[in-house]
Amino acid sequence: MSKPGKHSPITLAAKRQALLAECALQRINAAHEVSEIMAPIRNVREKVGGNLAIPMSAAGIVVGILANRRKKLVPMLTTAFSLWKLGKSLMESWREHKAAQHAP
C-alpha cells in the first residue's frame, strides 16, 4: 500500500481540522485574556452603574488627551479636578433624574 500523498484529500482534510481546532483554541485564549484586561472596567461599571459606558469612555479619552499633552503638571491637575467636580455634579443630577422617573 502506498502512503497518502501530501496533497491527498484525506491529508488536506486532517490539516484543515487541525487548523480549525487551533483557531478555536486561539479564540478561547484571546477571549479569556480580553476578559482579564476588561475586569477593572467591569468593576467600575458595576459600582457606578452599567449605563455609563459611553460617558466613562468619553471621560477616559479626555483624561488621556490631557495627560498626553506636554504641559506642566499643575494645569493638568486643575483641569482634572474641574472635570471631577463637573462629573460629580452631573452624576448627582442624573441620579435624581432616574429616581424621579422611578418614583410612583
Protein backbone atom coordinates (compact mmCIF):
# COMPACT_ATOMS: atom_id res chain seq x y z
CA MET A 1 0.00 0.00 0.00
CA SER A 2 1.14 3.47 -0.71
CA LYS A 3 1.07 6.33 1.75
CA PRO A 4 -1.40 9.13 1.05
CA GLY A 5 0.29 11.99 -0.72
CA LYS A 6 0.97 15.42 0.68
CA HIS A 7 -1.99 16.86 -1.24
CA SER A 8 -4.42 13.99 -0.94
CA PRO A 9 -7.97 14.83 0.21
CA ILE A 10 -7.51 12.87 3.43
CA THR A 11 -4.33 14.72 4.38
CA LEU A 12 -5.79 18.10 3.49
CA ALA A 13 -8.95 17.38 5.50
CA ALA A 14 -6.86 16.39 8.52
CA LYS A 15 -4.77 19.56 8.24
CA ARG A 16 -7.95 21.62 7.93
CA GLN A 17 -9.41 20.05 11.07
CA ALA A 18 -6.16 20.68 12.96
CA LEU A 19 -6.14 24.34 11.87
CA LEU A 20 -9.79 24.77 12.87
CA ALA A 21 -9.05 23.33 16.30
CA GLU A 22 -6.02 25.58 16.70
CA CYS A 23 -8.03 28.66 15.68
CA ALA A 24 -10.79 27.78 18.13
CA LEU A 25 -8.23 27.44 20.91
CA GLN A 26 -6.70 30.80 19.99
CA ARG A 27 -10.16 32.44 20.09
CA ILE A 28 -10.83 30.98 23.53
CA ASN A 29 -7.45 32.18 24.83
CA ALA A 30 -7.95 35.65 23.33
CA ALA A 31 -11.42 35.94 24.88
CA HIS A 32 -10.01 34.94 28.27
CA GLU A 33 -7.19 37.48 28.04
CA VAL A 34 -9.56 40.26 26.97
CA SER A 35 -11.89 39.46 29.88
CA GLU A 36 -8.92 39.71 32.27
CA ILE A 37 -7.95 43.06 30.79
CA MET A 38 -11.53 44.36 30.98
CA ALA A 39 -12.13 43.18 34.58
CA PRO A 40 -11.22 46.53 36.21
CA ILE A 41 -13.55 48.36 33.84
CA ARG A 42 -16.40 45.97 34.65
CA ASN A 43 -15.78 46.54 38.37
CA VAL A 44 -16.06 50.31 37.89
CA ARG A 45 -19.20 49.93 35.77
CA GLU A 46 -20.81 47.73 38.45
CA LYS A 47 -20.05 50.28 41.16
CA VAL A 48 -21.03 53.38 39.19
CA GLY A 49 -23.77 51.95 37.01
CA GLY A 50 -24.00 49.91 33.84
CA ASN A 51 -25.50 52.71 31.75
CA LEU A 52 -22.42 54.89 31.99
CA ALA A 53 -20.21 53.11 29.48
CA ILE A 54 -20.26 55.96 26.98
CA PRO A 55 -19.73 58.81 29.48
CA MET A 56 -16.97 56.85 31.22
CA SER A 57 -15.30 56.19 27.88
CA ALA A 58 -15.54 59.85 26.95
CA ALA A 59 -14.06 60.85 30.30
CA GLY A 60 -11.23 58.38 29.77
CA ILE A 61 -10.49 59.83 26.35
CA VAL A 62 -10.48 63.38 27.73
CA VAL A 63 -8.16 62.40 30.58
CA GLY A 64 -5.88 60.57 28.14
CA ILE A 65 -5.69 63.58 25.85
CA LEU A 66 -4.95 65.86 28.78
CA ALA A 67 -2.29 63.52 30.13
CA ASN A 68 -0.54 63.28 26.77
CA ARG A 69 -0.25 66.99 26.26
CA ARG A 70 3.16 68.43 27.04
CA LYS A 71 2.06 70.85 29.70
CA LYS A 72 3.08 71.32 33.25
CA LEU A 73 1.54 69.11 35.91
CA VAL A 74 -0.37 71.82 37.79
CA PRO A 75 -2.61 72.90 34.87
CA MET A 76 -3.39 69.27 34.16
CA LEU A 77 -4.31 68.63 37.79
CA THR A 78 -6.54 71.70 37.95
CA THR A 79 -8.29 70.61 34.77
CA ALA A 80 -8.72 67.11 36.14
CA PHE A 81 -10.13 68.48 39.39
CA SER A 82 -12.58 70.68 37.47
CA LEU A 83 -13.68 67.72 35.37
CA TRP A 84 -14.05 65.63 38.53
CA LYS A 85 -16.32 68.25 40.13
CA LEU A 86 -18.33 68.55 36.92
CA GLY A 87 -18.69 64.78 36.72
CA LYS A 88 -19.84 64.54 40.33
CA SER A 89 -22.50 67.20 39.82
CA LEU A 90 -23.65 65.54 36.60
CA MET A 91 -23.85 62.18 38.37
CA GLU A 92 -25.93 63.65 41.18
CA SER A 93 -28.36 65.27 38.77
CA TRP A 94 -28.52 62.09 36.69
CA ARG A 95 -29.31 60.00 39.78
CA GLU A 96 -32.01 62.48 40.86
CA HIS A 97 -33.50 62.32 37.37
CA LYS A 98 -33.50 58.50 37.45
CA ALA A 99 -35.06 58.49 40.94
CA ALA A 100 -37.76 60.89 39.78
CA GLN A 101 -38.57 58.63 36.82
CA HIS A 102 -38.98 55.57 39.03
CA ALA A 103 -41.00 57.36 41.73
CA PRO A 104 -44.73 56.47 41.74
